[in-house]
Every structure is written in C-alpha cells, then in structure tokens.
Amino acid sequence: MPAVAAPSAPTAGAPAGDGATGGGSSGLGRWRLRRRLGVTYVIAAVVLLVVVGVVASSLVRLTDAIHTRSDVMAPALLASNRLVASVVDQETGLRGYLLQGTEDYLSPYNAGRTEERRDLAELRGVLAGRPDLLAGVTALDARIRAWHTAYADPAIAAVRA
C-alpha cells in the first residue's frame, strides 16, 4: 500500500488560511468580493464628487460671466455708442455753425452736450465696479473736455464776436 504523507504544519512566516477567506492575506488579489466592491464604490463616489464639484464651479463662473456681460458690459457698450454719437452731433453742429454763422446750427451741438453729460454719467454708474474700465471713461471725458476748451468753445465765441 502506498504511504500517505501526513499534512505538514505551517511554517513560520507563512500566512495562515488558504486565501479563499482572506484571513491574514494583505494582497488585493485575496480580498473578498464584497470588500473589492466596497472599495470600488468608494472610489467611484469620490470621483463623482470631484466631477460634481468641478461642474458646479464652472456653472458659478459661467453665471458670473453672463451677469457681467449682460448687466455691465452691454449697457456700457450702448452708453459708449450714444456718447460717440453725441460727440459726432456736436462736431456736426459746430461745423455748420462755423460755416453759416446761424445759431440754429448749434442745436445739434447743444443737444449733443446734454447727451454727452448724461451718457458719461451712465457710463460711470454702470462701470463703478470696474476701475480698469472707469479709468478709460475718465480719460475719454478729459479728451472731450479738452476739445471743448481748446477748440469748440473758442470757435463759437469767435463767430459770435
């Protein structure tokens, strides 16, 4: 009869258990299915939370950009276009007055001065939170005032004299 070998005792340092139950094993390949699924779900949840956070942050930035564009930049653009039109009206009225010498030709000039003040005030109000753009409005106002002081007002005074 053949001899059957007796089962050997585990050697020192060898893991206890057969690996099917995960007892004493530290390798990922020996984890139970339930533990693997749990870790997978936790990782998926963390990734999902990160994605949700990035999307939420992007939506907040998009909302801020839309607000800036619709509530600040669009009204500023309209007011600046009206300001340019008022300065063109002033120049046209001044030129007509200088050529004809009749006060009726100054009506576009006078109306343009009124519109200019209104449009500058509106630009300052709309751009109050944007000092970088407000500096440009201040510089533009200074140039318009310089045109009035150095050219338009003296030319009108010379024709009236």
C-alpha atoms as a PDB file:
ATOM      1  CA  MET A   1       0.000   0.000   0.000  1.00  0.00           C
ATOM      2  CA  PRO A   2       1.170   3.424  -0.785  1.00  0.00           C
ATOM      3  CA  ALA A   3       2.120   5.629   2.069  1.00  0.00           C
ATOM      4  CA  VAL A   4       0.145   8.829   2.556  1.00  0.00           C
ATOM      5  CA  ALA A   5       2.123  11.755   3.692  1.00  0.00           C
ATOM      6  CA  ALA A   6       0.970  13.437   6.815  1.00  0.00           C
ATOM      7  CA  PRO A   7      -0.154  17.025   6.473  1.00  0.00           C
ATOM      8  CA  SER A   8       2.647  19.402   7.258  1.00  0.00           C
ATOM      9  CA  ALA A   9       2.328  22.179   9.780  1.00  0.00           C
ATOM     10  CA  PRO A  10       2.510  25.743   8.504  1.00  0.00           C
ATOM     11  CA  THR A  11       5.982  27.134   8.506  1.00  0.00           C
ATOM     12  CA  ALA A  12       6.926  30.227  10.432  1.00  0.00           C
ATOM     13  CA  GLY A  13       6.175  33.412   8.457  1.00  0.00           C
ATOM     14  CA  ALA A  14       3.708  31.650   6.123  1.00  0.00           C
ATOM     15  CA  PRO A  15       0.220  33.149   6.084  1.00  0.00           C
ATOM     16  CA  ALA A  16      -2.467  31.294   7.895  1.00  0.00           C
ATOM     17  CA  GLY A  17      -5.525  30.359   5.880  1.00  0.00           C
ATOM     18  CA  ASP A  18      -5.997  29.250   2.341  1.00  0.00           C
ATOM     19  CA  GLY A  19      -6.570  32.691   0.789  1.00  0.00           C
ATOM     20  CA  ALA A  20     -10.227  31.991  -0.072  1.00  0.00           C
ATOM     21  CA  THR A  21     -11.421  33.577   3.117  1.00  0.00           C
ATOM     22  CA  GLY A  22      -8.881  36.394   3.096  1.00  0.00           C
ATOM     23  CA  GLY A  23      -7.649  35.540   6.553  1.00  0.00           C
ATOM     24  CA  GLY A  24      -4.204  37.001   7.114  1.00  0.00           C
ATOM     25  CA  SER A  25      -3.694  37.934   3.469  1.00  0.00           C
ATOM     26  CA  SER A  26      -2.816  41.505   2.616  1.00  0.00           C
ATOM     27  CA  GLY A  27      -2.761  41.271  -1.205  1.00  0.00           C
ATOM     28  CA  LEU A  28      -5.551  42.785  -3.319  1.00  0.00           C
ATOM     29  CA  GLY A  29      -5.993  39.517  -5.178  1.00  0.00           C
ATOM     30  CA  ARG A  30      -7.027  37.804  -1.955  1.00  0.00           C
ATOM     31  CA  TRP A  31      -9.717  40.301  -0.881  1.00  0.00           C
ATOM     32  CA  ARG A  32     -13.255  39.070  -0.684  1.00  0.00           C
ATOM     33  CA  LEU A  33     -15.617  40.217  -3.435  1.00  0.00           C
ATOM     34  CA  ARG A  34     -17.642  42.300  -1.000  1.00  0.00           C
ATOM     35  CA  ARG A  35     -14.541  44.248   0.048  1.00  0.00           C
ATOM     36  CA  ARG A  36     -13.479  44.811  -3.574  1.00  0.00           C
ATOM     37  CA  LEU A  37     -16.915  46.138  -4.499  1.00  0.00           C
ATOM     38  CA  GLY A  38     -16.954  48.392  -1.453  1.00  0.00           C
ATOM     39  CA  VAL A  39     -13.597  49.939  -2.341  1.00  0.00           C
ATOM     40  CA  THR A  40     -14.704  50.329  -5.975  1.00  0.00           C
ATOM     41  CA  TYR A  41     -17.883  52.119  -4.905  1.00  0.00           C
ATOM     42  CA  VAL A  42     -15.965  54.436  -2.591  1.00  0.00           C
ATOM     43  CA  ILE A  43     -13.514  55.340  -5.362  1.00  0.00           C
ATOM     44  CA  ALA A  44     -16.383  55.892  -7.814  1.00  0.00           C
ATOM     45  CA  ALA A  45     -18.178  58.104  -5.275  1.00  0.00           C
ATOM     46  CA  VAL A  46     -15.057  60.215  -4.703  1.00  0.00           C
ATOM     47  CA  VAL A  47     -14.536  60.631  -8.452  1.00  0.00           C
ATOM     48  CA  LEU A  48     -18.211  61.561  -8.872  1.00  0.00           C
ATOM     49  CA  LEU A  49     -17.974  64.164  -6.096  1.00  0.00           C
ATOM     50  CA  VAL A  50     -14.895  65.701  -7.726  1.00  0.00           C
ATOM     51  CA  VAL A  51     -16.679  65.878 -11.090  1.00  0.00           C
ATOM     52  CA  VAL A  52     -19.768  67.425  -9.479  1.00  0.00           C
ATOM     53  CA  GLY A  53     -17.566  69.989  -7.735  1.00  0.00           C
ATOM     54  CA  VAL A  54     -15.812  70.932 -10.979  1.00  0.00           C
ATOM     55  CA  VAL A  55     -19.134  71.236 -12.820  1.00  0.00           C
ATOM     56  CA  ALA A  56     -20.650  73.349 -10.026  1.00  0.00           C
ATOM     57  CA  SER A  57     -17.617  75.632 -10.006  1.00  0.00           C
ATOM     58  CA  SER A  58     -17.817  76.012 -13.776  1.00  0.00           C
ATOM     59  CA  LEU A  59     -21.507  76.874 -13.583  1.00  0.00           C
ATOM     60  CA  VAL A  60     -20.852  79.554 -10.973  1.00  0.00           C
ATOM     61  CA  ARG A  61     -18.119  81.093 -13.135  1.00  0.00           C
ATOM     62  CA  LEU A  62     -20.402  80.936 -16.179  1.00  0.00           C
ATOM     63  CA  THR A  63     -23.187  82.662 -14.267  1.00  0.00           C
ATOM     64  CA  ASP A  64     -20.791  85.408 -13.188  1.00  0.00           C
ATOM     65  CA  ALA A  65     -19.591  85.874 -16.760  1.00  0.00           C
ATOM     66  CA  ILE A  66     -23.157  86.083 -18.073  1.00  0.00           C
ATOM     67  CA  HIS A  67     -24.029  88.607 -15.362  1.00  0.00           C
ATOM     68  CA  THR A  68     -21.001  90.736 -16.218  1.00  0.00           C
ATOM     69  CA  ARG A  69     -21.753  90.608 -19.912  1.00  0.00           C
ATOM     70  CA  SER A  70     -25.481  91.335 -19.698  1.00  0.00           C
ATOM     71  CA  ASP A  71     -25.657  93.664 -16.707  1.00  0.00           C
ATOM     72  CA  VAL A  72     -22.391  95.594 -17.072  1.00  0.00           C
ATOM     73  CA  MET A  73     -20.812  95.327 -20.490  1.00  0.00           C
ATOM     74  CA  ALA A  74     -23.956  95.556 -22.669  1.00  0.00           C
ATOM     75  CA  PRO A  75     -25.254  98.758 -21.015  1.00  0.00           C
ATOM     76  CA  ALA A  76     -21.729 100.221 -21.086  1.00  0.00           C
ATOM     77  CA  LEU A  77     -21.450  99.466 -24.794  1.00  0.00           C
ATOM     78  CA  LEU A  78     -24.786 101.123 -25.504  1.00  0.00           C
ATOM     79  CA  ALA A  79     -23.890 104.192 -23.444  1.00  0.00           C
ATOM     80  CA  SER A  80     -20.494 104.484 -25.146  1.00  0.00           C
ATOM     81  CA  ASN A  81     -22.131 104.266 -28.575  1.00  0.00           C
ATOM     82  CA  ARG A  82     -24.555 107.030 -27.582  1.00  0.00           C
ATOM     83  CA  LEU A  83     -21.622 109.066 -26.276  1.00  0.00           C
ATOM     84  CA  VAL A  84     -19.800 108.772 -29.592  1.00  0.00           C
ATOM     85  CA  ALA A  85     -22.984 109.773 -31.439  1.00  0.00           C
ATOM     86  CA  SER A  86     -23.400 112.820 -29.181  1.00  0.00           C
ATOM     87  CA  VAL A  87     -19.814 113.935 -29.847  1.00  0.00           C
ATOM     88  CA  VAL A  88     -20.359 113.475 -33.595  1.00  0.00           C
ATOM     89  CA  ASP A  89     -23.557 115.552 -33.321  1.00  0.00           C
ATOM     90  CA  GLN A  90     -21.612 118.265 -31.506  1.00  0.00           C
ATOM     91  CA  GLU A  91     -18.940 118.297 -34.179  1.00  0.00           C
ATOM     92  CA  THR A  92     -21.551 118.416 -36.950  1.00  0.00           C
ATOM     93  CA  GLY A  93     -23.457 121.254 -35.295  1.00  0.00           C
ATOM     94  CA  LEU A  94     -20.237 123.179 -34.659  1.00  0.00           C
ATOM     95  CA  ARG A  95     -19.109 122.799 -38.249  1.00  0.00           C
ATOM     96  CA  GLY A  96     -22.491 124.013 -39.550  1.00  0.00           C
ATOM     97  CA  TYR A  97     -22.413 126.978 -37.195  1.00  0.00           C
ATOM     98  CA  LEU A  98     -18.860 127.886 -38.211  1.00  0.00           C
ATOM     99  CA  LEU A  99     -19.798 127.745 -41.889  1.00  0.00           C
ATOM    100  CA  GLN A 100     -23.160 129.551 -41.677  1.00  0.00           C
ATOM    101  CA  GLY A 101     -22.887 131.653 -38.532  1.00  0.00           C
ATOM    102  CA  THR A 102     -26.541 130.983 -37.678  1.00  0.00           C
ATOM    103  CA  GLU A 103     -27.491 129.959 -34.120  1.00  0.00           C
ATOM    104  CA  ASP A 104     -29.924 127.327 -35.472  1.00  0.00           C
ATOM    105  CA  TYR A 105     -26.949 125.212 -36.496  1.00  0.00           C
ATOM    106  CA  LEU A 106     -25.872 124.987 -32.851  1.00  0.00           C
ATOM    107  CA  SER A 107     -28.951 122.965 -31.836  1.00  0.00           C
ATOM    108  CA  PRO A 108     -27.221 119.580 -32.569  1.00  0.00           C
ATOM    109  CA  TYR A 109     -24.179 120.874 -30.685  1.00  0.00           C
ATOM    110  CA  ASN A 110     -26.235 121.869 -27.631  1.00  0.00           C
ATOM    111  CA  ALA A 111     -28.278 118.658 -27.683  1.00  0.00           C
ATOM    112  CA  GLY A 112     -25.038 116.676 -28.010  1.00  0.00           C
ATOM    113  CA  ARG A 113     -23.576 118.418 -24.958  1.00  0.00           C
ATOM    114  CA  THR A 114     -26.616 117.422 -22.892  1.00  0.00           C
ATOM    115  CA  GLU A 115     -26.490 113.836 -24.150  1.00  0.00           C
ATOM    116  CA  GLU A 116     -22.736 113.728 -23.536  1.00  0.00           C
ATOM    117  CA  ARG A 117     -23.154 114.571 -19.854  1.00  0.00           C
ATOM    118  CA  ARG A 118     -25.963 112.028 -19.487  1.00  0.00           C
ATOM    119  CA  ASP A 119     -24.009 109.268 -21.263  1.00  0.00           C
ATOM    120  CA  LEU A 120     -20.834 109.912 -19.260  1.00  0.00           C
ATOM    121  CA  ALA A 121     -22.825 109.745 -16.022  1.00  0.00           C
ATOM    122  CA  GLU A 122     -24.446 106.483 -17.138  1.00  0.00           C
ATOM    123  CA  LEU A 123     -21.061 105.001 -18.069  1.00  0.00           C
ATOM    124  CA  ARG A 124     -19.636 105.931 -14.677  1.00  0.00           C
ATOM    125  CA  GLY A 125     -22.617 104.348 -12.932  1.00  0.00           C
ATOM    126  CA  VAL A 126     -22.508 101.124 -14.923  1.00  0.00           C
ATOM    127  CA  LEU A 127     -18.735 100.749 -14.638  1.00  0.00           C
ATOM    128  CA  ALA A 128     -18.496 101.736 -10.967  1.00  0.00           C
ATOM    129  CA  GLY A 129     -17.277  98.241 -10.043  1.00  0.00           C
ATOM    130  CA  ARG A 130     -14.706  98.118 -12.856  1.00  0.00           C
ATOM    131  CA  PRO A 131     -11.916 100.612 -12.066  1.00  0.00           C
ATOM    132  CA  ASP A 132      -9.899  99.470 -15.095  1.00  0.00           C
ATOM    133  CA  LEU A 133     -12.697 100.491 -17.475  1.00  0.00           C
ATOM    134  CA  LEU A 134     -13.663 103.516 -15.419  1.00  0.00           C
ATOM    135  CA  ALA A 135     -10.152 104.895 -15.932  1.00  0.00           C
ATOM    136  CA  GLY A 136     -10.780 104.786 -19.689  1.00  0.00           C
ATOM    137  CA  VAL A 137     -14.037 106.704 -19.258  1.00  0.00           C
ATOM    138  CA  THR A 138     -12.218 109.327 -17.186  1.00  0.00           C
ATOM    139  CA  ALA A 139      -9.555 109.683 -19.882  1.00  0.00           C
ATOM    140  CA  LEU A 140     -12.226 109.972 -22.571  1.00  0.00           C
ATOM    141  CA  ASP A 141     -14.041 112.632 -20.560  1.00  0.00           C
ATOM    142  CA  ALA A 142     -10.792 114.581 -20.223  1.00  0.00           C
ATOM    143  CA  ARG A 143     -10.242 114.468 -24.001  1.00  0.00           C
ATOM    144  CA  ILE A 144     -13.785 115.613 -24.725  1.00  0.00           C
ATOM    145  CA  ARG A 145     -13.411 118.488 -22.248  1.00  0.00           C
ATOM    146  CA  ALA A 146     -10.082 119.411 -23.842  1.00  0.00           C
ATOM    147  CA  TRP A 147     -11.771 119.519 -27.271  1.00  0.00           C
ATOM    148  CA  HIS A 148     -14.455 121.832 -25.874  1.00  0.00           C
ATOM    149  CA  THR A 149     -11.956 124.058 -24.101  1.00  0.00           C
ATOM    150  CA  ALA A 150      -9.300 124.247 -26.796  1.00  0.00           C
ATOM    151  CA  TYR A 151     -11.413 124.202 -29.951  1.00  0.00           C
ATOM    152  CA  ALA A 152     -15.223 124.222 -29.803  1.00  0.00           C
ATOM    153  CA  ASP A 153     -15.879 126.946 -27.207  1.00  0.00           C
ATOM    154  CA  PRO A 154     -13.270 129.379 -28.627  1.00  0.00           C
ATOM    155  CA  ALA A 155     -14.574 128.784 -32.186  1.00  0.00           C
ATOM    156  CA  ILE A 156     -18.159 129.519 -31.134  1.00  0.00           C
ATOM    157  CA  ALA A 157     -17.003 132.608 -29.237  1.00  0.00           C
ATOM    158  CA  ALA A 158     -15.063 133.829 -32.302  1.00  0.00           C
ATOM    159  CA  VAL A 159     -18.128 133.547 -34.594  1.00  0.00           C
ATOM    160  CA  ARG A 160     -20.372 135.284 -32.025  1.00  0.00           C
ATOM    161  CA  ALA A 161     -17.907 138.156 -31.674  1.00  0.00           C
END
